[in-house]
Amino acid sequence: MEKFKIIVVEDVPLEMKGTLGIIRTDIPEAEVVGTATNETEYWRALKSQLPDLLLLDLGLGGSTTIGVELCRSTKEMYPSVKVLIFTGEIINEKLWVDALDAGADGIILKTGELLTRHDVQSVMDGKQLVFNEPILKKIVERFKRAVNAQIAKQEALVNYEIDEYDERFLRHLALGYTKDQITQLRGMPFGVKSLEKRQVELMKKLFPDGNNGGIGINATRLVVRALELRIIDLDNLEADED
């Protein structure tokens, strides 16, 4: 790894000391050209010398938004500067997403392996979305759940003989559309009576044992059943274009 310049932004003195110790011991190629504990000190350090890498804590002075805005502003004004988030915000996943949307090149959580030379080198080599093991584990878990949900949906579509129009019908019922509104959707070649017939057929498919328990099978129960079977996905309930 070639030599590069770095600014460290961290508002907790003990953690700043620890971070500088990691850099000094494990990343000798890094020249720390500035440190900052708040937004004002950061902009002063940046004007003094432009770094190649900004190592940025998100939670500054009790605010979790300042770090995100520093990342966004830095990337807008100096696109060539790499921004690696080094944060103790290990639960606030929304904050991670905000940081990535702001242009961060990676996120290292202050848990597990902490900051490593490999992570820093990956960012300096131009790799995007550099994460350490704690956040990678969560990403992989979400990925596996998403894939399994998609497989379950495909199996349900086949097993219950659900076609494209059934899925669209059920999805828009879940979104609160009336049958009349559904008939107005682009590419939906059915009138209200046809949709009512389709609803009866879907009830037979999704409730093969009929009306067990004496509770009526209405549109609401039909939608709930479709959600249970993953025929429609609660996380991806979006209306088609009218």
Protein backbone atom coordinates (compact mmCIF):
# COMPACT_ATOMS: atom_id res chain seq x y z
CA MET A 1 0.00 0.00 0.00
CA GLU A 2 1.36 3.43 -0.97
CA LYS A 3 1.63 6.23 1.56
CA PHE A 4 -1.50 8.33 1.99
CA LYS A 5 -2.84 11.15 4.13
CA ILE A 6 -5.67 10.72 6.60
CA ILE A 7 -7.87 12.88 8.82
CA VAL A 8 -9.49 11.22 11.84
CA VAL A 9 -12.78 12.59 13.21
CA GLU A 10 -13.69 11.23 16.65
CA ASP A 11 -15.23 13.06 19.62
CA VAL A 12 -14.30 10.63 22.42
CA PRO A 13 -10.70 11.26 23.56
CA LEU A 14 -10.03 7.67 24.62
CA GLU A 15 -11.32 6.30 21.32
CA MET A 16 -9.34 8.89 19.37
CA LYS A 17 -6.22 7.73 21.20
CA GLY A 18 -7.02 4.10 20.45
CA THR A 19 -7.70 4.81 16.77
CA LEU A 20 -4.46 6.74 16.35
CA GLY A 21 -2.68 3.85 18.06
CA ILE A 22 -4.12 1.36 15.57
CA ILE A 23 -3.07 3.56 12.66
CA ARG A 24 0.43 4.09 14.02
CA THR A 25 0.98 0.38 14.75
CA ASP A 26 -0.89 -1.42 11.97
CA ILE A 27 -1.05 1.10 9.11
CA PRO A 28 2.37 2.78 8.89
CA GLU A 29 1.61 4.00 5.36
CA ALA A 30 -0.99 6.40 6.78
CA GLU A 31 0.14 9.92 7.62
CA VAL A 32 -2.32 11.56 10.01
CA VAL A 33 -2.49 15.16 8.78
CA GLY A 34 -5.35 16.21 11.04
CA THR A 35 -7.71 15.21 13.81
CA ALA A 36 -11.05 16.67 14.82
CA THR A 37 -13.58 16.21 17.57
CA ASN A 38 -16.37 18.25 15.98
CA GLU A 39 -17.60 19.72 12.71
CA THR A 40 -15.77 23.04 13.06
CA GLU A 41 -12.43 21.39 13.75
CA TYR A 42 -12.95 19.06 10.79
CA TRP A 43 -13.47 21.83 8.24
CA ARG A 44 -10.46 23.67 9.66
CA ALA A 45 -8.30 20.54 9.28
CA LEU A 46 -9.63 19.93 5.77
CA LYS A 47 -8.75 23.46 4.66
CA SER A 48 -5.28 23.04 6.10
CA GLN A 49 -4.57 19.87 4.10
CA LEU A 50 -6.78 17.73 1.88
CA PRO A 51 -6.52 14.05 2.90
CA ASP A 52 -6.75 10.94 0.77
CA LEU A 53 -8.90 9.27 3.42
CA LEU A 54 -11.37 10.54 6.00
CA LEU A 55 -11.87 8.16 8.93
CA LEU A 56 -15.17 9.39 10.30
CA ASP A 57 -17.13 8.65 13.45
CA LEU A 58 -20.86 9.21 12.96
CA GLY A 59 -21.90 10.13 16.48
CA LEU A 60 -20.39 13.55 17.15
CA GLY A 61 -21.40 15.59 20.18
CA GLY A 62 -24.41 13.38 20.82
CA SER A 63 -25.73 13.82 17.26
CA THR A 64 -25.91 10.93 14.82
CA THR A 65 -26.68 13.17 11.85
CA ILE A 66 -23.58 15.40 11.87
CA GLY A 67 -21.32 12.58 10.71
CA VAL A 68 -23.64 11.70 7.85
CA GLU A 69 -23.76 15.33 6.71
CA LEU A 70 -19.97 15.64 6.95
CA CYS A 71 -19.69 12.57 4.72
CA ARG A 72 -22.18 13.95 2.21
CA SER A 73 -20.62 17.42 2.07
CA THR A 74 -17.09 16.04 1.76
CA LYS A 75 -18.06 13.74 -1.09
CA GLU A 76 -19.86 16.54 -2.91
CA MET A 77 -16.94 18.99 -2.63
CA TYR A 78 -14.05 16.52 -2.85
CA PRO A 79 -15.19 13.35 -4.69
CA SER A 80 -11.67 11.92 -4.69
CA VAL A 81 -11.50 11.76 -0.89
CA LYS A 82 -12.29 8.28 0.42
CA VAL A 83 -14.64 8.20 3.40
CA LEU A 84 -14.49 5.23 5.76
CA ILE A 85 -17.03 5.30 8.57
CA PHE A 86 -15.67 4.03 11.90
CA THR A 87 -18.62 4.04 14.26
CA GLY A 88 -19.89 2.72 17.57
CA GLU A 89 -23.46 2.95 16.27
CA ILE A 90 -23.78 -0.83 16.12
CA ILE A 91 -27.58 -1.04 16.39
CA ASN A 92 -28.83 1.91 14.36
CA GLU A 93 -29.06 0.25 10.93
CA LYS A 94 -30.93 3.23 9.46
CA LEU A 95 -27.85 5.32 10.18
CA TRP A 96 -25.70 2.90 8.19
CA VAL A 97 -28.04 3.26 5.22
CA ASP A 98 -27.93 7.06 5.54
CA ALA A 99 -24.12 6.97 5.55
CA LEU A 100 -24.01 4.80 2.43
CA ASP A 101 -26.51 7.09 0.70
CA ALA A 102 -24.23 10.00 1.63
CA GLY A 103 -21.42 8.36 -0.35
CA ALA A 104 -19.41 6.48 2.28
CA ASP A 105 -16.95 3.99 0.81
CA GLY A 106 -17.40 1.59 3.70
CA ILE A 107 -18.50 1.13 7.30
CA ILE A 108 -16.42 -0.40 10.06
CA LEU A 109 -18.25 -1.08 13.32
CA LYS A 110 -16.37 -0.61 16.59
CA THR A 111 -16.84 -4.21 17.57
CA GLY A 112 -15.25 -7.51 16.63
CA GLU A 113 -12.06 -6.99 14.59
CA LEU A 114 -12.27 -3.18 14.70
CA LEU A 115 -10.17 -1.34 12.12
CA THR A 116 -7.70 -3.45 10.16
CA ARG A 117 -4.99 -2.68 7.62
CA HIS A 118 -6.84 -4.85 5.12
CA ASP A 119 -10.01 -2.76 5.42
CA VAL A 120 -8.13 0.48 4.92
CA GLN A 121 -6.16 -0.92 2.00
CA SER A 122 -9.38 -2.09 0.34
CA VAL A 123 -10.80 1.44 0.51
CA MET A 124 -7.57 3.03 -0.75
CA ASP A 125 -7.47 0.52 -3.62
CA GLY A 126 -10.85 1.81 -4.75
CA LYS A 127 -13.05 -0.98 -3.45
CA GLN A 128 -16.54 0.20 -2.60
CA LEU A 129 -18.75 -0.99 0.25
CA VAL A 130 -16.02 -2.15 2.60
CA PHE A 131 -17.48 -3.66 5.79
CA ASN A 132 -16.06 -5.57 8.74
CA GLU A 133 -17.42 -8.85 10.03
CA PRO A 134 -20.22 -7.60 12.35
CA ILE A 135 -21.98 -5.66 9.62
CA LEU A 136 -21.19 -8.30 6.97
CA LYS A 137 -22.89 -10.92 9.12
CA LYS A 138 -26.07 -8.85 9.24
CA ILE A 139 -25.94 -8.23 5.49
CA VAL A 140 -25.57 -11.95 4.77
CA GLU A 141 -28.44 -12.80 7.12
CA ARG A 142 -30.71 -10.31 5.33
CA PHE A 143 -29.60 -11.65 1.95
CA LYS A 144 -30.38 -15.23 2.94
CA ARG A 145 -33.82 -14.24 4.22
CA ALA A 146 -34.55 -12.33 1.01
CA VAL A 147 -33.51 -15.27 -1.17
CA ASN A 148 -35.52 -17.75 0.91
CA ALA A 149 -38.57 -15.50 0.73
CA GLN A 150 -38.24 -15.31 -3.06
CA ILE A 151 -37.93 -19.10 -3.31
CA ALA A 152 -40.99 -19.52 -1.07
CA LYS A 153 -42.93 -17.14 -3.31
CA GLN A 154 -41.98 -19.01 -6.49
CA GLU A 155 -42.96 -22.33 -4.92
CA ALA A 156 -46.30 -20.91 -3.77
CA LEU A 157 -47.06 -19.52 -7.24
CA VAL A 158 -46.49 -22.97 -8.72
CA ASN A 159 -48.13 -25.03 -5.97
CA TYR A 160 -51.30 -22.94 -5.88
CA GLU A 161 -51.38 -22.26 -9.63
CA ILE A 162 -51.20 -18.50 -9.20
CA ASP A 163 -50.79 -16.53 -12.41
CA GLU A 164 -49.67 -12.94 -13.00
CA TYR A 165 -53.19 -11.55 -12.72
CA ASP A 166 -53.88 -13.41 -9.47
CA GLU A 167 -50.74 -11.90 -7.94
CA ARG A 168 -51.63 -8.40 -9.13
CA PHE A 169 -55.19 -8.79 -7.90
CA LEU A 170 -54.11 -9.96 -4.44
CA ARG A 171 -51.38 -7.33 -4.17
CA HIS A 172 -53.73 -4.47 -4.92
CA LEU A 173 -56.38 -5.86 -2.57
CA ALA A 174 -53.68 -5.78 0.12
CA LEU A 175 -53.03 -2.13 -0.75
CA GLY A 176 -56.69 -1.27 -0.21
CA TYR A 177 -57.79 -1.02 -3.83
CA THR A 178 -61.41 -1.78 -4.62
CA LYS A 179 -62.23 -4.20 -7.41
CA ASP A 180 -63.43 -1.29 -9.52
CA GLN A 181 -60.08 0.47 -9.06
CA ILE A 182 -58.20 -2.71 -9.92
CA THR A 183 -60.07 -3.01 -13.22
CA GLN A 184 -58.69 0.44 -14.15
CA LEU A 185 -55.06 -0.69 -13.85
CA ARG A 186 -53.09 -0.73 -17.06
CA GLY A 187 -53.02 -4.20 -18.59
CA MET A 188 -55.72 -5.62 -16.31
CA PRO A 189 -58.23 -7.12 -18.82
CA PHE A 190 -61.02 -7.88 -16.36
CA GLY A 191 -64.24 -6.28 -15.23
CA VAL A 192 -65.60 -6.31 -11.70
CA LYS A 193 -67.63 -9.51 -12.22
CA SER A 194 -64.58 -11.32 -13.56
CA LEU A 195 -62.55 -10.25 -10.55
CA GLU A 196 -65.28 -11.46 -8.21
CA LYS A 197 -65.17 -14.83 -9.94
CA ARG A 198 -61.37 -14.85 -9.70
CA GLN A 199 -61.63 -14.09 -5.97
CA VAL A 200 -63.91 -17.10 -5.45
CA GLU A 201 -61.44 -19.30 -7.33
CA LEU A 202 -58.56 -17.99 -5.23
CA MET A 203 -60.48 -18.73 -2.05
CA LYS A 204 -60.86 -22.34 -3.17
CA LYS A 205 -57.13 -22.59 -3.99
CA LEU A 206 -55.83 -20.98 -0.82
CA PHE A 207 -58.43 -22.51 1.51
CA PRO A 208 -58.74 -26.05 0.12
CA ASP A 209 -60.41 -27.26 3.34
CA GLY A 210 -63.13 -24.67 2.98
CA ASN A 211 -64.61 -22.57 5.76
CA ASN A 212 -63.12 -24.36 8.77
CA GLY A 213 -64.02 -22.81 12.10
CA GLY A 214 -67.12 -21.11 10.77
CA ILE A 215 -65.30 -17.84 10.00
CA GLY A 216 -66.22 -16.35 6.66
CA ILE A 217 -63.55 -16.20 3.98
CA ASN A 218 -63.61 -12.60 2.84
CA ALA A 219 -61.10 -10.49 0.90
CA THR A 220 -59.18 -9.63 4.07
CA ARG A 221 -58.66 -13.28 5.03
CA LEU A 222 -57.72 -14.04 1.44
CA VAL A 223 -55.01 -11.35 1.49
CA VAL A 224 -53.69 -12.51 4.88
CA ARG A 225 -53.47 -16.06 3.56
CA ALA A 226 -51.61 -14.85 0.47
CA LEU A 227 -49.14 -13.05 2.74
CA GLU A 228 -48.67 -16.15 4.89
CA LEU A 229 -47.93 -18.24 1.81
CA ARG A 230 -45.55 -15.57 0.42
CA ILE A 231 -47.64 -15.25 -2.72
CA ILE A 232 -47.39 -11.53 -2.07
CA ASP A 233 -44.54 -9.96 -0.13
CA LEU A 234 -45.29 -7.57 2.72
CA ASP A 235 -41.95 -5.81 2.18
CA ASN A 236 -42.65 -5.21 -1.51
CA LEU A 237 -46.28 -4.12 -1.64
CA GLU A 238 -46.21 -1.58 -4.42
CA ALA A 239 -49.00 -0.57 -6.75
CA ASP A 240 -48.66 -0.93 -10.50
CA GLU A 241 -48.85 2.19 -12.61
CA ASP A 242 -52.42 3.20 -13.32
